[in-house]
Amino acid sequence: MYMESLRDRIKIQVKKSYADMARAAGLGCSAGCCGPSILAGILDTGKKIDYSVDQLALGPGQANLGLGCGSPLSMAGLKKGESVLDLGSGAGFDALLAAKEVGETGRVTGIDMTPEMIEKAERNAIDHKASNVMFRLGEIENLPVESGTIDVVLSNCVINLSPDKESVYGEIFRVLKPGGRIVISDVLRSGDLPREITEDPAAYVG
């Protein structure tokens, strides 16, 4: 019962934090508050975590909110016609990049549990005329995806936010086709954290 309560509080905090980020990004950029220093920071960080200059030209401050910690695309080896699933797709940056790589015969699905991020990603897909990508509201512990239908699962700095990682990996293997592949960029901890951090949803998200 205690662990379920903690998991619920973490999930609520994650949703709130990312909804706030989506709203702030939308308001800021539409109001002209995404100034040169913020956009330069997003682009500089992107270069450091293995995105190319061409990739970073896609929507800084819009699709690319600077929330990733590496580029799963750099090792995915995506091919034309493949089906790709992006876990925790946010404003759609990696999903839109993947859509360009798999081409018109491929398809990309982004999953996010934050309605505000889904709305932002859908707007970005329209803006970039990406007809082979769709975004669905859902949780990575219980994916709204049919079993055995995905060639490649991508995730960028999202699985660390789940308090139930076993279910996440179970779902990844469920949706993958035989011979499918996983590419994950994420943060890892090398030792135990004190309880005041692991039991504080705000610190967990931070």
C-alpha atoms as a PDB file:
ATOM      1  CA  MET A   1       0.000   0.000   0.000  1.00  0.00           C
ATOM      2  CA  TYR A   2       2.807   2.409   0.878  1.00  0.00           C
ATOM      3  CA  MET A   3       4.686   1.763  -2.368  1.00  0.00           C
ATOM      4  CA  GLU A   4       1.506   2.208  -4.404  1.00  0.00           C
ATOM      5  CA  SER A   5       0.933   5.533  -2.684  1.00  0.00           C
ATOM      6  CA  LEU A   6       4.500   6.665  -3.395  1.00  0.00           C
ATOM      7  CA  ARG A   7       4.213   5.562  -7.037  1.00  0.00           C
ATOM      8  CA  ASP A   8       0.993   7.505  -7.409  1.00  0.00           C
ATOM      9  CA  ARG A   9       2.570  10.629  -5.929  1.00  0.00           C
ATOM     10  CA  ILE A  10       5.577  10.329  -8.253  1.00  0.00           C
ATOM     11  CA  LYS A  11       3.303   9.921 -11.288  1.00  0.00           C
ATOM     12  CA  ILE A  12       1.250  12.964 -10.294  1.00  0.00           C
ATOM     13  CA  GLN A  13       4.406  15.029  -9.824  1.00  0.00           C
ATOM     14  CA  VAL A  14       5.862  13.935 -13.177  1.00  0.00           C
ATOM     15  CA  LYS A  15       2.615  14.849 -14.959  1.00  0.00           C
ATOM     16  CA  LYS A  16       2.445  18.230 -13.264  1.00  0.00           C
ATOM     17  CA  SER A  17       6.086  19.090 -13.931  1.00  0.00           C
ATOM     18  CA  TYR A  18       5.940  18.232 -17.629  1.00  0.00           C
ATOM     19  CA  ALA A  19       2.565  19.908 -18.097  1.00  0.00           C
ATOM     20  CA  ASP A  20       4.068  23.060 -16.584  1.00  0.00           C
ATOM     21  CA  MET A  21       7.040  22.812 -18.968  1.00  0.00           C
ATOM     22  CA  ALA A  22       4.774  22.385 -21.998  1.00  0.00           C
ATOM     23  CA  ARG A  23       2.660  25.372 -20.986  1.00  0.00           C
ATOM     24  CA  ALA A  24       5.703  27.519 -20.225  1.00  0.00           C
ATOM     25  CA  ALA A  25       7.297  26.694 -23.572  1.00  0.00           C
ATOM     26  CA  GLY A  26       4.104  27.483 -25.466  1.00  0.00           C
ATOM     27  CA  LEU A  27       3.481  30.754 -23.685  1.00  0.00           C
ATOM     28  CA  GLY A  28       7.113  31.793 -23.755  1.00  0.00           C
ATOM     29  CA  CYS A  29       7.709  31.237 -27.445  1.00  0.00           C
ATOM     30  CA  SER A  30       4.405  32.681 -28.577  1.00  0.00           C
ATOM     31  CA  ALA A  31       5.024  35.737 -26.439  1.00  0.00           C
ATOM     32  CA  GLY A  32       8.560  36.169 -27.707  1.00  0.00           C
ATOM     33  CA  CYS A  33      10.122  35.125 -24.392  1.00  0.00           C
ATOM     34  CA  CYS A  34      12.190  32.282 -25.820  1.00  0.00           C
ATOM     35  CA  GLY A  35      15.094  34.660 -26.131  1.00  0.00           C
ATOM     36  CA  PRO A  36      18.429  34.061 -27.835  1.00  0.00           C
ATOM     37  CA  SER A  37      20.102  32.848 -24.634  1.00  0.00           C
ATOM     38  CA  ILE A  38      17.470  30.151 -23.996  1.00  0.00           C
ATOM     39  CA  LEU A  39      17.503  28.924 -27.586  1.00  0.00           C
ATOM     40  CA  ALA A  40      21.301  29.006 -27.666  1.00  0.00           C
ATOM     41  CA  GLY A  41      21.339  26.879 -24.514  1.00  0.00           C
ATOM     42  CA  ILE A  42      19.009  24.309 -26.082  1.00  0.00           C
ATOM     43  CA  LEU A  43      21.154  24.118 -29.213  1.00  0.00           C
ATOM     44  CA  ASP A  44      24.438  23.968 -27.283  1.00  0.00           C
ATOM     45  CA  THR A  45      23.166  21.149 -25.068  1.00  0.00           C
ATOM     46  CA  GLY A  46      21.873  19.295 -28.129  1.00  0.00           C
ATOM     47  CA  LYS A  47      25.308  19.351 -29.742  1.00  0.00           C
ATOM     48  CA  LYS A  48      26.871  17.970 -26.577  1.00  0.00           C
ATOM     49  CA  ILE A  49      24.484  15.020 -26.454  1.00  0.00           C
ATOM     50  CA  ASP A  50      25.094  13.863 -30.023  1.00  0.00           C
ATOM     51  CA  TYR A  51      22.490  15.636 -32.153  1.00  0.00           C
ATOM     52  CA  SER A  52      23.676  17.000 -35.497  1.00  0.00           C
ATOM     53  CA  VAL A  53      23.337  20.640 -36.502  1.00  0.00           C
ATOM     54  CA  ASP A  54      20.709  19.631 -39.074  1.00  0.00           C
ATOM     55  CA  GLN A  55      18.687  17.750 -36.466  1.00  0.00           C
ATOM     56  CA  LEU A  56      18.836  20.652 -34.030  1.00  0.00           C
ATOM     57  CA  ALA A  57      17.426  22.974 -36.693  1.00  0.00           C
ATOM     58  CA  LEU A  58      14.074  21.220 -36.207  1.00  0.00           C
ATOM     59  CA  GLY A  59      12.059  23.292 -33.777  1.00  0.00           C
ATOM     60  CA  PRO A  60      14.330  24.625 -31.015  1.00  0.00           C
ATOM     61  CA  GLY A  61      12.008  25.942 -28.319  1.00  0.00           C
ATOM     62  CA  GLN A  62       9.020  24.244 -29.978  1.00  0.00           C
ATOM     63  CA  ALA A  63       9.559  20.526 -30.713  1.00  0.00           C
ATOM     64  CA  ASN A  64      12.949  20.575 -28.996  1.00  0.00           C
ATOM     65  CA  LEU A  65      12.501  21.797 -25.424  1.00  0.00           C
ATOM     66  CA  GLY A  66      15.967  20.699 -24.354  1.00  0.00           C
ATOM     67  CA  LEU A  67      14.650  17.948 -22.053  1.00  0.00           C
ATOM     68  CA  GLY A  68      16.663  15.003 -23.404  1.00  0.00           C
ATOM     69  CA  CYS A  69      19.937  13.613 -22.105  1.00  0.00           C
ATOM     70  CA  GLY A  70      21.257  12.026 -25.309  1.00  0.00           C
ATOM     71  CA  SER A  71      20.275  11.122 -28.848  1.00  0.00           C
ATOM     72  CA  PRO A  72      18.783   7.623 -29.180  1.00  0.00           C
ATOM     73  CA  LEU A  73      18.620   8.261 -32.928  1.00  0.00           C
ATOM     74  CA  SER A  74      22.414   8.272 -33.194  1.00  0.00           C
ATOM     75  CA  MET A  75      22.490   4.515 -32.560  1.00  0.00           C
ATOM     76  CA  ALA A  76      19.061   3.435 -33.807  1.00  0.00           C
ATOM     77  CA  GLY A  77      20.031   2.852 -37.441  1.00  0.00           C
ATOM     78  CA  LEU A  78      16.486   3.580 -38.581  1.00  0.00           C
ATOM     79  CA  LYS A  79      15.530   2.320 -42.033  1.00  0.00           C
ATOM     80  CA  LYS A  80      12.875   3.356 -44.519  1.00  0.00           C
ATOM     81  CA  GLY A  81       9.559   1.688 -43.826  1.00  0.00           C
ATOM     82  CA  GLU A  82      10.195   0.822 -40.173  1.00  0.00           C
ATOM     83  CA  SER A  83       7.686   1.299 -37.378  1.00  0.00           C
ATOM     84  CA  VAL A  84       9.056   3.282 -34.439  1.00  0.00           C
ATOM     85  CA  LEU A  85       7.699   3.888 -30.952  1.00  0.00           C
ATOM     86  CA  ASP A  86       8.964   6.856 -28.920  1.00  0.00           C
ATOM     87  CA  LEU A  87       8.387   6.491 -25.179  1.00  0.00           C
ATOM     88  CA  GLY A  88       7.665   9.765 -23.415  1.00  0.00           C
ATOM     89  CA  SER A  89       7.685  11.704 -26.659  1.00  0.00           C
ATOM     90  CA  GLY A  90       7.157  15.132 -25.097  1.00  0.00           C
ATOM     91  CA  ALA A  91       6.837  17.914 -27.669  1.00  0.00           C
ATOM     92  CA  GLY A  92       7.772  15.476 -30.446  1.00  0.00           C
ATOM     93  CA  PHE A  93      11.424  16.233 -31.220  1.00  0.00           C
ATOM     94  CA  ASP A  94      12.792  12.664 -31.484  1.00  0.00           C
ATOM     95  CA  ALA A  95       9.560  11.377 -33.037  1.00  0.00           C
ATOM     96  CA  LEU A  96       9.681  14.009 -35.787  1.00  0.00           C
ATOM     97  CA  LEU A  97      13.344  13.272 -36.483  1.00  0.00           C
ATOM     98  CA  ALA A  98      12.567   9.548 -36.637  1.00  0.00           C
ATOM     99  CA  ALA A  99       9.675  10.223 -39.015  1.00  0.00           C
ATOM    100  CA  LYS A 100      12.087  11.840 -41.460  1.00  0.00           C
ATOM    101  CA  GLU A 101      14.390   8.808 -41.306  1.00  0.00           C
ATOM    102  CA  VAL A 102      11.746   6.101 -41.822  1.00  0.00           C
ATOM    103  CA  GLY A 103      10.146   8.035 -44.690  1.00  0.00           C
ATOM    104  CA  GLU A 104       6.623   7.958 -46.048  1.00  0.00           C
ATOM    105  CA  THR A 105       6.439   4.158 -45.913  1.00  0.00           C
ATOM    106  CA  GLY A 106       7.378   4.107 -42.223  1.00  0.00           C
ATOM    107  CA  ARG A 107       5.413   5.224 -39.213  1.00  0.00           C
ATOM    108  CA  VAL A 108       6.252   6.716 -35.840  1.00  0.00           C
ATOM    109  CA  THR A 109       4.091   6.728 -32.741  1.00  0.00           C
ATOM    110  CA  GLY A 110       4.874   8.932 -29.774  1.00  0.00           C
ATOM    111  CA  ILE A 111       3.450   8.061 -26.360  1.00  0.00           C
ATOM    112  CA  ASP A 112       3.207  10.594 -23.546  1.00  0.00           C
ATOM    113  CA  MET A 113       1.075  10.719 -20.409  1.00  0.00           C
ATOM    114  CA  THR A 114       0.824  14.520 -20.377  1.00  0.00           C
ATOM    115  CA  PRO A 115      -2.065  15.946 -22.433  1.00  0.00           C
ATOM    116  CA  GLU A 116      -0.292  19.285 -22.738  1.00  0.00           C
ATOM    117  CA  MET A 117       2.729  17.625 -24.342  1.00  0.00           C
ATOM    118  CA  ILE A 118       0.548  15.593 -26.716  1.00  0.00           C
ATOM    119  CA  GLU A 119      -1.215  18.768 -27.840  1.00  0.00           C
ATOM    120  CA  LYS A 120       2.115  20.521 -28.386  1.00  0.00           C
ATOM    121  CA  ALA A 121       3.551  17.544 -30.301  1.00  0.00           C
ATOM    122  CA  GLU A 122       0.501  17.349 -32.574  1.00  0.00           C
ATOM    123  CA  ARG A 123       0.843  21.039 -33.411  1.00  0.00           C
ATOM    124  CA  ASN A 124       4.524  20.526 -34.178  1.00  0.00           C
ATOM    125  CA  ALA A 125       3.715  17.583 -36.465  1.00  0.00           C
ATOM    126  CA  ILE A 126       1.284  19.776 -38.399  1.00  0.00           C
ATOM    127  CA  ASP A 127       3.803  22.610 -38.584  1.00  0.00           C
ATOM    128  CA  HIS A 128       6.455  20.238 -39.981  1.00  0.00           C
ATOM    129  CA  LYS A 129       3.988  18.470 -42.321  1.00  0.00           C
ATOM    130  CA  ALA A 130       4.853  15.087 -40.810  1.00  0.00           C
ATOM    131  CA  SER A 131       2.032  12.844 -42.000  1.00  0.00           C
ATOM    132  CA  ASN A 132       3.691   9.572 -40.879  1.00  0.00           C
ATOM    133  CA  VAL A 133       3.799  10.393 -37.161  1.00  0.00           C
ATOM    134  CA  MET A 134       1.049  10.280 -34.556  1.00  0.00           C
ATOM    135  CA  PHE A 135       0.950  10.971 -30.826  1.00  0.00           C
ATOM    136  CA  ARG A 136      -1.124   9.051 -28.313  1.00  0.00           C
ATOM    137  CA  LEU A 137      -1.911   9.731 -24.684  1.00  0.00           C
ATOM    138  CA  GLY A 138      -0.747   6.830 -22.529  1.00  0.00           C
ATOM    139  CA  GLU A 139       1.646   5.546 -19.916  1.00  0.00           C
ATOM    140  CA  ILE A 140       4.851   3.703 -20.683  1.00  0.00           C
ATOM    141  CA  GLU A 141       3.977   1.077 -18.045  1.00  0.00           C
ATOM    142  CA  ASN A 142       0.818   0.216 -20.034  1.00  0.00           C
ATOM    143  CA  LEU A 143       1.369   1.092 -23.676  1.00  0.00           C
ATOM    144  CA  PRO A 144      -1.677   1.649 -25.930  1.00  0.00           C
ATOM    145  CA  VAL A 145       0.065  -0.312 -28.699  1.00  0.00           C
ATOM    146  CA  GLU A 146      -0.640  -3.736 -30.191  1.00  0.00           C
ATOM    147  CA  SER A 147       1.782  -6.549 -29.395  1.00  0.00           C
ATOM    148  CA  GLY A 148       4.503  -7.402 -31.909  1.00  0.00           C
ATOM    149  CA  THR A 149       3.997  -4.366 -34.149  1.00  0.00           C
ATOM    150  CA  ILE A 150       7.094  -2.211 -33.545  1.00  0.00           C
ATOM    151  CA  ASP A 151      10.535  -2.457 -35.168  1.00  0.00           C
ATOM    152  CA  VAL A 152      12.323   0.061 -32.930  1.00  0.00           C
ATOM    153  CA  VAL A 153      11.564   1.490 -29.495  1.00  0.00           C
ATOM    154  CA  LEU A 154      13.245   4.794 -28.631  1.00  0.00           C
ATOM    155  CA  SER A 155      13.377   6.525 -25.264  1.00  0.00           C
ATOM    156  CA  ASN A 156      15.161   9.698 -24.255  1.00  0.00           C
ATOM    157  CA  CYS A 157      15.558  10.448 -20.548  1.00  0.00           C
ATOM    158  CA  VAL A 158      12.112   9.105 -19.608  1.00  0.00           C
ATOM    159  CA  ILE A 159      12.404   5.618 -18.096  1.00  0.00           C
ATOM    160  CA  ASN A 160      14.214   7.073 -15.073  1.00  0.00           C
ATOM    161  CA  LEU A 161      10.969   8.897 -14.241  1.00  0.00           C
ATOM    162  CA  SER A 162       8.947   5.687 -13.931  1.00  0.00           C
ATOM    163  CA  PRO A 163       8.687   4.131 -10.458  1.00  0.00           C
ATOM    164  CA  ASP A 164       7.773   0.788 -12.100  1.00  0.00           C
ATOM    165  CA  LYS A 165      10.590   0.074 -14.534  1.00  0.00           C
ATOM    166  CA  GLU A 166       9.896  -3.663 -14.628  1.00  0.00           C
ATOM    167  CA  SER A 167       6.507  -2.982 -16.217  1.00  0.00           C
ATOM    168  CA  VAL A 168       8.101  -0.549 -18.682  1.00  0.00           C
ATOM    169  CA  TYR A 169      10.553  -3.154 -19.947  1.00  0.00           C
ATOM    170  CA  GLY A 170       7.836  -5.796 -20.048  1.00  0.00           C
ATOM    171  CA  GLU A 171       5.758  -3.524 -22.264  1.00  0.00           C
ATOM    172  CA  ILE A 172       8.724  -2.755 -24.515  1.00  0.00           C
ATOM    173  CA  PHE A 173       9.298  -6.442 -25.168  1.00  0.00           C
ATOM    174  CA  ARG A 174       5.581  -7.025 -25.677  1.00  0.00           C
ATOM    175  CA  VAL A 175       5.212  -4.461 -28.461  1.00  0.00           C
ATOM    176  CA  LEU A 176       8.450  -5.281 -30.297  1.00  0.00           C
ATOM    177  CA  LYS A 177       8.450  -7.528 -33.338  1.00  0.00           C
ATOM    178  CA  PRO A 178      10.759 -10.564 -33.218  1.00  0.00           C
ATOM    179  CA  GLY A 179      14.236  -9.184 -33.845  1.00  0.00           C
ATOM    180  CA  GLY A 180      13.131  -5.656 -32.948  1.00  0.00           C
ATOM    181  CA  ARG A 181      15.505  -3.352 -31.150  1.00  0.00           C
ATOM    182  CA  ILE A 182      15.585  -0.873 -28.271  1.00  0.00           C
ATOM    183  CA  VAL A 183      17.652   2.305 -28.074  1.00  0.00           C
ATOM    184  CA  ILE A 184      17.569   4.137 -24.757  1.00  0.00           C
ATOM    185  CA  SER A 185      19.321   7.299 -23.641  1.00  0.00           C
ATOM    186  CA  ASP A 186      18.889   7.899 -19.935  1.00  0.00           C
ATOM    187  CA  VAL A 187      20.495   8.787 -16.633  1.00  0.00           C
ATOM    188  CA  LEU A 188      21.793   6.095 -14.306  1.00  0.00           C
ATOM    189  CA  ARG A 189      22.782   6.180 -10.671  1.00  0.00           C
ATOM    190  CA  SER A 190      25.854   4.340  -9.485  1.00  0.00           C
ATOM    191  CA  GLY A 191      24.810   3.966  -5.854  1.00  0.00           C
ATOM    192  CA  ASP A 192      21.935   4.251  -3.432  1.00  0.00           C
ATOM    193  CA  LEU A 193      20.183   7.544  -2.820  1.00  0.00           C
ATOM    194  CA  PRO A 194      19.014   8.678   0.631  1.00  0.00           C
ATOM    195  CA  ARG A 195      15.342   8.100   1.445  1.00  0.00           C
ATOM    196  CA  GLU A 196      14.643  11.834   1.643  1.00  0.00           C
ATOM    197  CA  ILE A 197      15.304  11.928  -2.114  1.00  0.00           C
ATOM    198  CA  THR A 198      13.768   8.627  -3.228  1.00  0.00           C
ATOM    199  CA  GLU A 199      10.609   9.310  -1.206  1.00  0.00           C
ATOM    200  CA  ASP A 200      10.220  12.916  -2.352  1.00  0.00           C
ATOM    201  CA  PRO A 201       8.370  13.020  -5.695  1.00  0.00           C
ATOM    202  CA  ALA A 202       9.669  16.511  -6.496  1.00  0.00           C
ATOM    203  CA  ALA A 203      13.284  15.415  -5.937  1.00  0.00           C
ATOM    204  CA  TYR A 204      12.630  12.247  -7.932  1.00  0.00           C
ATOM    205  CA  VAL A 205      11.501  14.270 -10.925  1.00  0.00           C
ATOM    206  CA  GLY A 206      14.294  16.815 -10.471  1.00  0.00           C
END
